Amino acid sequence: MGQGGTKFRLGGEIGWAPDTPRREAVNSGTGEADALSWQASFSFMDVLPDHDFGIVYGRVADGWLLSSDFRPNDELLEARWVWQASKAWQIDARIRRREEIDLPASAAGPRRDDDVYARATWKF
């Protein structure tokens, strides 16, 4: 596998919000909103020459109000692939599922988003 061998990378983030709103304010039920959020990533570098693959899993509490990457009250599962085709060209692809964790009593079911992303980058 890979010219220099496959490498494994493990990453993660954890956060705790010390002051959260009530669940009624964020429409996720009743009582105090949760404060703990986290994500973990498992990446395999050079699975094939110049090909990387990774998986990200995270849970974001309903009291986690500010994030540029995550919506509050969501669970996320994502798979990513990167191919460094040449020094100038890189191809990225991702498939992701996000789903609500705590549902209001009036909800018919969890909000779920599935999306696919592809990008080609040319450095000049």
C-alpha atoms as a PDB file:
ATOM      1  CA  MET A   1       0.000   0.000   0.000  1.00  0.00           C
ATOM      2  CA  GLY A   2       1.340   3.484  -0.740  1.00  0.00           C
ATOM      3  CA  GLN A   3       4.983   4.074  -1.717  1.00  0.00           C
ATOM      4  CA  GLY A   4       6.102   4.894   1.824  1.00  0.00           C
ATOM      5  CA  GLY A   5       3.446   2.767   3.478  1.00  0.00           C
ATOM      6  CA  THR A   6       0.028   3.732   4.744  1.00  0.00           C
ATOM      7  CA  LYS A   7      -0.005   6.039   7.750  1.00  0.00           C
ATOM      8  CA  PHE A   8      -2.838   6.361  10.260  1.00  0.00           C
ATOM      9  CA  ARG A   9      -3.855   9.681  11.824  1.00  0.00           C
ATOM     10  CA  LEU A  10      -6.289  10.100  14.680  1.00  0.00           C
ATOM     11  CA  GLY A  11      -7.685  13.517  15.521  1.00  0.00           C
ATOM     12  CA  GLY A  12     -10.373  14.941  17.701  1.00  0.00           C
ATOM     13  CA  GLU A  13     -11.954  17.952  19.313  1.00  0.00           C
ATOM     14  CA  ILE A  14     -14.030  18.303  22.432  1.00  0.00           C
ATOM     15  CA  GLY A  15     -15.852  21.334  23.733  1.00  0.00           C
ATOM     16  CA  TRP A  16     -18.100  22.226  26.609  1.00  0.00           C
ATOM     17  CA  ALA A  17     -20.352  25.301  26.719  1.00  0.00           C
ATOM     18  CA  PRO A  18     -20.529  26.589  30.318  1.00  0.00           C
ATOM     19  CA  ASP A  19     -23.752  28.542  29.819  1.00  0.00           C
ATOM     20  CA  THR A  20     -26.461  26.948  27.672  1.00  0.00           C
ATOM     21  CA  PRO A  21     -30.027  28.032  26.959  1.00  0.00           C
ATOM     22  CA  ARG A  22     -33.082  26.027  27.877  1.00  0.00           C
ATOM     23  CA  ARG A  23     -34.209  23.466  25.312  1.00  0.00           C
ATOM     24  CA  GLU A  24     -37.452  25.361  24.800  1.00  0.00           C
ATOM     25  CA  ALA A  25     -35.385  28.293  23.444  1.00  0.00           C
ATOM     26  CA  VAL A  26     -33.606  26.144  20.848  1.00  0.00           C
ATOM     27  CA  ASN A  27     -36.679  23.995  20.031  1.00  0.00           C
ATOM     28  CA  SER A  28     -35.158  20.655  21.071  1.00  0.00           C
ATOM     29  CA  GLY A  29     -37.423  19.640  23.958  1.00  0.00           C
ATOM     30  CA  THR A  30     -37.678  20.739  27.593  1.00  0.00           C
ATOM     31  CA  GLY A  31     -35.114  21.373  30.326  1.00  0.00           C
ATOM     32  CA  GLU A  32     -31.501  22.514  30.089  1.00  0.00           C
ATOM     33  CA  ALA A  33     -29.743  22.097  26.739  1.00  0.00           C
ATOM     34  CA  ASP A  34     -26.696  19.821  26.630  1.00  0.00           C
ATOM     35  CA  ALA A  35     -23.265  21.447  26.717  1.00  0.00           C
ATOM     36  CA  LEU A  36     -20.795  18.759  25.543  1.00  0.00           C
ATOM     37  CA  SER A  37     -19.814  18.466  21.870  1.00  0.00           C
ATOM     38  CA  TRP A  38     -17.076  16.425  20.215  1.00  0.00           C
ATOM     39  CA  GLN A  39     -15.752  14.961  16.997  1.00  0.00           C
ATOM     40  CA  ALA A  40     -13.204  12.284  16.105  1.00  0.00           C
ATOM     41  CA  SER A  41     -11.446  11.704  12.799  1.00  0.00           C
ATOM     42  CA  PHE A  42      -9.708   8.576  11.551  1.00  0.00           C
ATOM     43  CA  SER A  43      -7.533   9.123   8.482  1.00  0.00           C
ATOM     44  CA  PHE A  44      -5.474   6.732   6.403  1.00  0.00           C
ATOM     45  CA  MET A  45      -2.764   8.533   4.456  1.00  0.00           C
ATOM     46  CA  ASP A  46      -1.350   6.985   1.258  1.00  0.00           C
ATOM     47  CA  VAL A  47      -3.857   4.136   1.091  1.00  0.00           C
ATOM     48  CA  LEU A  48      -2.727   4.075  -2.540  1.00  0.00           C
ATOM     49  CA  PRO A  49       0.074   6.343  -3.761  1.00  0.00           C
ATOM     50  CA  ASP A  50      -1.124   9.949  -3.216  1.00  0.00           C
ATOM     51  CA  HIS A  51      -4.615   8.824  -2.069  1.00  0.00           C
ATOM     52  CA  ASP A  52      -5.900   9.636   1.443  1.00  0.00           C
ATOM     53  CA  PHE A  53      -9.152   8.456   3.036  1.00  0.00           C
ATOM     54  CA  GLY A  54     -10.769   9.599   6.265  1.00  0.00           C
ATOM     55  CA  ILE A  55     -13.883   9.210   8.390  1.00  0.00           C
ATOM     56  CA  VAL A  56     -15.258  11.852  10.768  1.00  0.00           C
ATOM     57  CA  TYR A  57     -17.910  11.249  13.430  1.00  0.00           C
ATOM     58  CA  GLY A  58     -19.222  13.965  15.720  1.00  0.00           C
ATOM     59  CA  ARG A  59     -22.043  14.875  18.090  1.00  0.00           C
ATOM     60  CA  VAL A  60     -22.941  18.501  18.669  1.00  0.00           C
ATOM     61  CA  ALA A  61     -25.097  19.350  21.679  1.00  0.00           C
ATOM     62  CA  ASP A  62     -28.251  21.414  21.349  1.00  0.00           C
ATOM     63  CA  GLY A  63     -26.671  24.040  23.620  1.00  0.00           C
ATOM     64  CA  TRP A  64     -23.668  24.454  21.300  1.00  0.00           C
ATOM     65  CA  LEU A  65     -24.737  27.658  19.586  1.00  0.00           C
ATOM     66  CA  LEU A  66     -21.701  28.910  17.660  1.00  0.00           C
ATOM     67  CA  SER A  67     -19.733  26.842  15.176  1.00  0.00           C
ATOM     68  CA  SER A  68     -18.701  27.467  11.608  1.00  0.00           C
ATOM     69  CA  ASP A  69     -18.613  23.722  10.868  1.00  0.00           C
ATOM     70  CA  PHE A  70     -21.452  22.175  12.859  1.00  0.00           C
ATOM     71  CA  ARG A  71     -25.121  22.838  13.512  1.00  0.00           C
ATOM     72  CA  PRO A  72     -26.312  22.491  17.100  1.00  0.00           C
ATOM     73  CA  ASN A  73     -28.248  19.321  18.025  1.00  0.00           C
ATOM     74  CA  ASP A  74     -26.720  17.235  15.217  1.00  0.00           C
ATOM     75  CA  GLU A  75     -24.899  13.973  14.789  1.00  0.00           C
ATOM     76  CA  LEU A  76     -22.512  13.871  11.822  1.00  0.00           C
ATOM     77  CA  LEU A  77     -20.891  11.042   9.886  1.00  0.00           C
ATOM     78  CA  GLU A  78     -18.613  11.876   6.977  1.00  0.00           C
ATOM     79  CA  ALA A  79     -16.243  10.032   4.625  1.00  0.00           C
ATOM     80  CA  ARG A  80     -13.576  11.935   2.666  1.00  0.00           C
ATOM     81  CA  TRP A  81     -11.180  11.004  -0.105  1.00  0.00           C
ATOM     82  CA  VAL A  82      -8.295  13.113  -1.441  1.00  0.00           C
ATOM     83  CA  TRP A  83      -6.152  12.367  -4.477  1.00  0.00           C
ATOM     84  CA  GLN A  84      -3.037  14.463  -5.103  1.00  0.00           C
ATOM     85  CA  ALA A  85      -2.996  13.806  -8.862  1.00  0.00           C
ATOM     86  CA  SER A  86       0.112  15.957  -9.416  1.00  0.00           C
ATOM     87  CA  LYS A  87       1.922  18.839  -7.725  1.00  0.00           C
ATOM     88  CA  ALA A  88      -0.623  21.173  -9.339  1.00  0.00           C
ATOM     89  CA  TRP A  89      -3.857  19.134  -9.173  1.00  0.00           C
ATOM     90  CA  GLN A  90      -5.789  17.810  -6.178  1.00  0.00           C
ATOM     91  CA  ILE A  91      -9.206  16.112  -6.235  1.00  0.00           C
ATOM     92  CA  ASP A  92     -11.373  16.033  -3.072  1.00  0.00           C
ATOM     93  CA  ALA A  93     -14.660  14.185  -2.536  1.00  0.00           C
ATOM     94  CA  ARG A  94     -16.927  13.870   0.501  1.00  0.00           C
ATOM     95  CA  ILE A  95     -20.197  12.202   1.427  1.00  0.00           C
ATOM     96  CA  ARG A  96     -21.889  13.334   4.635  1.00  0.00           C
ATOM     97  CA  ARG A  97     -24.982  12.618   6.734  1.00  0.00           C
ATOM     98  CA  ARG A  98     -26.223  14.957   9.463  1.00  0.00           C
ATOM     99  CA  GLU A  99     -29.185  14.046  11.668  1.00  0.00           C
ATOM    100  CA  GLU A 100     -30.932  15.713  14.614  1.00  0.00           C
ATOM    101  CA  ILE A 101     -30.292  14.190  18.048  1.00  0.00           C
ATOM    102  CA  ASP A 102     -33.101  15.534  20.283  1.00  0.00           C
ATOM    103  CA  LEU A 103     -36.495  16.042  18.672  1.00  0.00           C
ATOM    104  CA  PRO A 104     -39.288  18.320  19.810  1.00  0.00           C
ATOM    105  CA  ALA A 105     -42.469  16.432  20.709  1.00  0.00           C
ATOM    106  CA  SER A 106     -44.225  17.972  17.694  1.00  0.00           C
ATOM    107  CA  ALA A 107     -41.589  16.755  15.187  1.00  0.00           C
ATOM    108  CA  ALA A 108     -42.740  14.148  12.684  1.00  0.00           C
ATOM    109  CA  GLY A 109     -39.209  12.740  12.541  1.00  0.00           C
ATOM    110  CA  PRO A 110     -35.582  13.765  12.690  1.00  0.00           C
ATOM    111  CA  ARG A 111     -34.239  16.306  10.232  1.00  0.00           C
ATOM    112  CA  ARG A 112     -31.674  14.475   8.125  1.00  0.00           C
ATOM    113  CA  ASP A 113     -29.365  15.922   5.485  1.00  0.00           C
ATOM    114  CA  ASP A 114     -27.308  13.856   3.070  1.00  0.00           C
ATOM    115  CA  ASP A 115     -24.887  15.621   0.766  1.00  0.00           C
ATOM    116  CA  VAL A 116     -22.064  14.928  -1.645  1.00  0.00           C
ATOM    117  CA  TYR A 117     -19.186  17.290  -2.377  1.00  0.00           C
ATOM    118  CA  ALA A 118     -16.475  17.186  -5.047  1.00  0.00           C
ATOM    119  CA  ARG A 119     -13.746  19.700  -5.809  1.00  0.00           C
ATOM    120  CA  ALA A 120     -10.774  19.950  -8.145  1.00  0.00           C
ATOM    121  CA  THR A 121      -8.003  22.347  -7.112  1.00  0.00           C
ATOM    122  CA  TRP A 122      -5.339  23.624  -9.480  1.00  0.00           C
ATOM    123  CA  LYS A 123      -2.309  25.410  -8.021  1.00  0.00           C
ATOM    124  CA  PHE A 124      -0.487  27.797 -10.314  1.00  0.00           C
END
